[in-house]
Protein backbone atom coordinates (compact mmCIF):
# COMPACT_ATOMS: atom_id res chain seq x y z
CA MET A 1 15.03 31.20 -89.54
CA GLN A 2 11.87 31.41 -87.43
CA ASN A 3 11.90 31.35 -83.64
CA LEU A 4 10.90 28.28 -81.63
CA TYR A 5 9.60 30.27 -78.67
CA LYS A 6 7.30 32.44 -80.76
CA HIS A 7 5.61 29.34 -82.17
CA THR A 8 5.28 27.53 -78.83
CA LYS A 9 3.82 30.66 -77.22
CA GLN A 10 1.24 30.99 -79.99
CA ALA A 11 0.13 27.38 -79.64
CA PHE A 12 0.08 27.60 -75.84
CA LEU A 13 -2.17 30.68 -75.82
CA THR A 14 -4.58 29.33 -78.44
CA ALA A 15 -7.92 28.39 -76.88
CA ASP A 16 -9.56 26.32 -79.63
CA PRO A 17 -8.39 22.71 -79.19
CA ASP A 18 -8.36 21.93 -82.91
CA LEU A 19 -6.25 24.98 -83.71
CA LYS A 20 -3.97 24.39 -80.71
CA ILE A 21 -3.29 20.85 -81.90
CA GLU A 22 -2.74 22.01 -85.48
CA LEU A 23 -0.28 24.74 -84.40
CA THR A 24 1.51 22.31 -82.10
CA ARG A 25 1.96 19.73 -84.84
CA GLN A 26 3.16 22.41 -87.28
CA THR A 27 5.72 23.58 -84.72
CA VAL A 28 6.93 20.03 -84.11
CA SER A 29 7.24 19.48 -87.87
CA ARG A 30 9.26 22.69 -88.32
CA TRP A 31 11.47 21.80 -85.37
CA ASN A 32 12.15 18.34 -86.77
CA ALA A 33 13.01 19.94 -90.13
CA GLY A 34 15.57 22.20 -88.44
CA GLU A 35 13.65 25.35 -89.32
CA LEU A 36 13.34 26.86 -85.82
CA GLU A 37 15.97 28.84 -83.90
CA TRP A 38 16.28 27.92 -80.21
CA ARG A 39 19.47 29.71 -79.11
CA GLU A 40 17.95 33.18 -79.25
CA GLY A 41 14.62 34.70 -78.30
CA ASP A 42 12.98 37.36 -76.20
CA GLU A 43 12.85 36.86 -72.45
CA PRO A 44 9.89 34.58 -71.68
CA GLU A 45 6.75 36.17 -70.32
CA GLN A 46 5.24 34.62 -67.21
CA LEU A 47 2.47 32.71 -68.94
CA ASN A 48 0.66 30.82 -66.19
CA GLN A 49 -2.58 30.11 -68.03
CA PRO A 50 -2.90 28.42 -71.42
CA GLY A 51 -5.67 29.32 -73.81
CA GLN A 52 -8.80 27.41 -72.84
CA PRO A 53 -12.11 26.81 -74.63
CA ASP A 54 -15.44 27.63 -72.99
CA LYS A 55 -15.99 23.92 -72.45
CA PRO A 56 -15.21 21.76 -70.58
CA GLU A 57 -16.20 23.49 -67.37
CA ILE A 58 -13.24 23.34 -64.97
CA VAL A 59 -14.32 22.25 -61.48
CA ALA A 60 -12.82 20.80 -58.31
CA PRO A 61 -11.74 17.14 -58.59
CA SER A 62 -14.65 16.12 -56.35
CA GLU A 63 -17.14 17.65 -58.80
CA VAL A 64 -16.19 15.84 -62.00
CA ASN A 65 -18.62 13.44 -63.67
CA LYS A 66 -18.81 9.90 -62.30
CA ARG A 67 -16.80 7.40 -64.34
CA LYS A 68 -18.71 4.16 -63.76
CA PHE A 69 -17.14 1.67 -66.13
CA GLY A 70 -20.26 -0.47 -66.39
CA LYS A 71 -22.19 2.23 -68.29
CA GLU A 72 -21.29 3.74 -71.65
CA GLU A 73 -21.70 7.27 -70.30
CA GLY A 74 -19.30 6.41 -67.48
CA ARG A 75 -16.76 5.07 -69.96
CA ALA A 76 -17.17 8.21 -72.06
CA ALA A 77 -16.56 10.31 -68.94
CA LEU A 78 -13.34 8.36 -68.34
CA ILE A 79 -12.18 8.83 -71.94
CA HIS A 80 -13.02 12.54 -71.63
CA ALA A 81 -10.90 12.79 -68.47
CA LEU A 82 -8.00 11.14 -70.30
CA ALA A 83 -8.42 13.51 -73.26
CA HIS A 84 -8.32 16.49 -70.90
CA ILE A 85 -5.09 15.18 -69.34
CA GLU A 86 -3.54 14.77 -72.79
CA LEU A 87 -4.48 18.30 -73.87
CA THR A 88 -3.06 19.61 -70.60
CA ALA A 89 0.10 17.63 -71.32
CA VAL A 90 0.38 19.39 -74.70
CA ASN A 91 0.29 22.70 -72.85
CA LEU A 92 2.85 21.42 -70.35
CA ALA A 93 5.31 20.47 -73.07
CA LEU A 94 4.83 23.80 -74.88
CA ASP A 95 5.27 25.67 -71.60
CA SER A 96 8.50 23.84 -70.75
CA VAL A 97 9.96 24.77 -74.13
CA TYR A 98 8.87 28.40 -73.86
CA ARG A 99 9.66 28.91 -70.16
CA TYR A 100 13.05 27.29 -69.63
CA ARG A 101 15.76 28.94 -71.72
CA GLY A 102 19.46 28.29 -72.06
CA MET A 103 19.10 24.53 -71.97
CA PRO A 104 20.86 22.03 -74.25
CA GLU A 105 19.21 21.41 -77.61
CA ALA A 106 18.24 17.92 -76.43
CA PHE A 107 15.92 19.49 -73.84
CA TYR A 108 13.85 21.22 -76.52
CA ALA A 109 13.97 18.11 -78.72
CA ASP A 110 12.54 16.01 -75.87
CA TRP A 111 9.64 18.33 -75.17
CA MET A 112 8.86 18.98 -78.81
CA GLN A 113 8.59 15.22 -79.31
CA CYS A 114 6.43 15.01 -76.21
CA ALA A 115 4.14 17.81 -77.45
CA GLY A 116 3.63 16.03 -80.76
CA GLU A 117 2.87 12.67 -79.16
CA GLU A 118 0.49 14.17 -76.58
CA ALA A 119 -1.31 15.93 -79.45
CA ASN A 120 -1.74 12.57 -81.18
CA HIS A 121 -3.11 11.08 -77.94
CA PHE A 122 -5.69 13.85 -77.67
CA ILE A 123 -6.76 13.42 -81.29
CA ALA A 124 -7.23 9.65 -80.82
CA LEU A 125 -9.20 9.98 -77.59
CA ARG A 126 -11.38 12.78 -78.95
CA GLY A 127 -12.09 10.69 -82.03
CA ARG A 128 -13.26 7.82 -79.85
CA LEU A 129 -15.48 10.20 -77.86
CA ARG A 130 -17.09 11.43 -81.07
CA GLU A 131 -17.74 7.85 -82.21
CA MET A 132 -19.63 7.35 -78.95
CA GLY A 133 -21.77 10.45 -79.52
CA TYR A 134 -19.83 12.77 -77.22
CA ASP A 135 -17.03 15.31 -77.67
CA TYR A 136 -14.37 17.13 -75.72
CA GLY A 137 -16.36 19.49 -73.51
CA SER A 138 -19.29 17.09 -73.02
CA PHE A 139 -18.23 16.51 -69.40
CA LYS A 140 -16.68 18.55 -66.62
CA ALA A 141 -12.92 18.44 -66.00
CA HIS A 142 -10.61 19.44 -63.17
CA GLY A 143 -7.44 21.51 -63.31
CA GLU A 144 -5.33 19.75 -60.68
CA LEU A 145 -2.51 18.87 -63.09
CA TRP A 146 -2.19 22.38 -64.45
CA SER A 147 -2.45 23.87 -60.96
CA MET A 148 0.58 21.83 -59.91
CA ALA A 149 2.41 22.95 -63.06
CA VAL A 150 1.89 26.56 -61.97
CA ASP A 151 3.01 25.83 -58.41
CA THR A 152 6.30 24.31 -59.65
CA ALA A 153 6.87 26.61 -62.65
CA ASP A 154 9.59 28.77 -61.11
CA ASP A 155 11.91 25.83 -60.47
CA MET A 156 12.57 23.42 -63.31
CA LEU A 157 13.83 20.75 -60.92
CA GLU A 158 10.52 20.82 -59.07
CA ARG A 159 8.47 20.96 -62.29
CA MET A 160 10.25 17.93 -63.72
CA GLY A 161 10.20 16.08 -60.41
CA ILE A 162 6.56 16.56 -59.47
CA VAL A 163 4.60 17.10 -62.69
CA HIS A 164 6.34 14.45 -64.76
CA ARG A 165 7.67 12.00 -62.15
CA VAL A 166 4.55 12.03 -59.94
CA PHE A 167 1.47 13.09 -61.91
CA GLU A 168 2.48 11.82 -65.36
CA ALA A 169 4.16 8.74 -63.91
CA ARG A 170 0.85 7.71 -62.34
CA ALA A 171 -0.26 6.69 -65.83
CA LEU A 172 2.46 4.03 -65.79
CA ASP A 173 0.62 2.37 -62.92
CA VAL A 174 -3.05 2.79 -63.90
CA VAL A 175 -3.25 2.70 -67.71
CA PRO A 176 -2.34 -1.00 -68.04
CA LYS A 177 -5.30 -1.87 -65.77
CA THR A 178 -7.59 0.38 -67.81
CA ILE A 179 -6.44 -1.43 -70.96
CA GLN A 180 -7.48 -4.74 -69.39
CA LYS A 181 -10.97 -3.36 -68.64
CA PHE A 182 -11.53 -2.16 -72.20
CA ASP A 183 -10.14 -5.45 -73.51
CA GLN A 184 -12.70 -7.38 -71.44
CA LEU A 185 -15.43 -5.27 -73.08
CA GLY A 186 -14.05 -6.07 -76.54
CA ASP A 187 -13.29 -2.39 -77.25
CA LYS A 188 -10.24 -3.00 -79.46
CA LYS A 189 -10.04 0.65 -80.52
CA MET A 190 -9.59 1.86 -76.95
CA VAL A 191 -7.14 -0.96 -76.27
CA ASP A 192 -5.04 0.20 -79.24
CA ILE A 193 -5.25 3.88 -78.23
CA LEU A 194 -4.34 3.23 -74.59
CA THR A 195 -1.52 0.86 -75.58
CA MET A 196 -0.02 3.63 -77.74
CA ILE A 197 -0.38 6.08 -74.86
CA ALA A 198 1.13 3.66 -72.31
CA ASN A 199 4.16 3.00 -74.52
CA GLU A 200 4.83 6.67 -75.24
CA GLU A 201 4.26 7.85 -71.68
CA VAL A 202 7.32 5.82 -70.67
CA GLY A 203 9.36 8.13 -72.89
CA HIS A 204 7.70 11.25 -71.47
CA VAL A 205 8.42 10.25 -67.88
CA SER A 206 11.95 9.35 -68.98
CA SER A 207 12.35 12.89 -70.32
CA GLY A 208 11.14 14.30 -67.02
CA THR A 209 13.62 12.06 -65.20
CA ARG A 210 16.49 13.01 -67.53
CA TRP A 211 16.07 16.74 -66.94
CA TYR A 212 15.29 16.29 -63.26
CA HIS A 213 18.63 14.50 -62.92
CA HIS A 214 20.29 17.20 -65.01
CA GLN A 215 19.09 19.82 -62.54
CA CYS A 216 20.15 17.72 -59.54
CA GLN A 217 23.61 17.32 -61.04
CA GLN A 218 23.88 21.06 -61.69
CA ARG A 219 23.03 21.75 -58.02
CA GLN A 220 25.00 18.80 -56.61
CA LEU A 221 21.92 17.22 -55.08
CA ASP A 222 21.22 13.54 -54.49
CA PRO A 223 18.31 12.79 -56.86
CA ASP A 224 16.73 10.02 -54.80
CA LYS A 225 16.67 11.96 -51.52
CA THR A 226 15.64 15.16 -53.27
CA PHE A 227 12.68 13.41 -54.88
CA ILE A 228 11.44 12.17 -51.51
CA ASP A 229 11.82 15.71 -50.14
CA LEU A 230 9.70 16.99 -53.05
CA LEU A 231 7.00 14.43 -52.27
CA TRP A 232 6.74 15.67 -48.71
CA LYS A 233 6.72 19.30 -49.89
CA TYR A 234 4.07 19.02 -52.61
CA MET A 235 2.15 15.80 -51.99
CA LYS A 236 2.15 16.12 -48.19
CA GLY A 237 2.78 12.44 -47.80
CA PRO A 238 3.46 9.10 -49.51
CA LEU A 239 2.27 8.25 -53.00
CA LYS A 240 -0.53 5.72 -53.33
CA GLY A 241 0.43 2.36 -54.78
CA PRO A 242 0.49 -0.20 -56.13
CA PHE A 243 3.34 0.77 -58.42
CA ASN A 244 4.32 -0.75 -61.76
CA HIS A 245 7.95 -1.31 -60.81
CA GLU A 246 9.10 -2.75 -64.14
CA VAL A 247 7.77 0.16 -66.19
CA ARG A 248 8.87 2.79 -63.67
CA ILE A 249 12.43 1.43 -63.84
CA LYS A 250 12.26 1.75 -67.64
CA ALA A 251 11.15 5.36 -67.17
CA GLY A 252 14.22 6.20 -65.09
CA PHE A 253 13.26 5.48 -61.50
CA SER A 254 16.06 3.73 -59.61
CA ALA A 255 15.48 0.58 -57.55
CA GLN A 256 16.64 2.49 -54.48
CA GLU A 257 14.21 5.29 -55.25
CA MET A 258 11.29 2.86 -55.52
CA LYS A 259 12.23 1.36 -52.14
CA MET A 260 12.27 4.84 -50.62
CA ILE A 261 8.89 5.69 -52.18
CA GLU A 262 7.31 2.56 -50.77
CA SER A 263 8.92 3.00 -47.35
CA MET A 264 7.23 6.43 -47.14
CA GLY A 265 3.88 4.65 -47.11
CA LYS A 266 4.99 2.43 -44.21
CA THR A 267 6.40 5.22 -42.07
CA GLY A 268 4.37 8.26 -43.23
């Protein structure tokens, strides 16, 4: 039987996006077929940088291309930004599988499913870019999401809490509004793509919540209070609303937690 960690490492370190996606989907397929061993493997190397293509150019968030929705180039820049997030999310899922050992099988099943779905998101968004005359790499991108993944990598509780329950969860709030904008333009293809992404991101945030709670339980920590503490530590203040309460509750946020998050904005 082949080793899960060997395959996730290979995909993670691959720079070419097409090959990375292909290797990721092959690994997910083999995992689903029960062909990959997850109980044994060499000690994980400290891999803090995934393989990256020459383009897009990675810049500071303030230097990315303007995303003015009223112009096609602005919409393409937005789609490109979303594609970059999805490819980063593939790397995040692969990294979680490779980095965190000794977890229950369900942990690896969750992040293998996530890797496969994020790969599909990237393929769909890149396809739409190409239909518009652009491609992945046509615009600049920023590395804020991956930078936070590196900052939290040594503590799974913090990785799950911040990367998935803050950064990824933001999509739960903003993607529905983006869907409405594309719907008003009559861009049914983008509406369908973003609807798929919105539905599946609920599951990804739920996975982050599940394993965040698992870590809190292992350490006998109160998950709601601990999450607020993480926000102060990493975000330096309250999250920006408005929040999609209904969807966040589906993704594992508690009603009490949402009250605490919103009260931060009133007192912070």
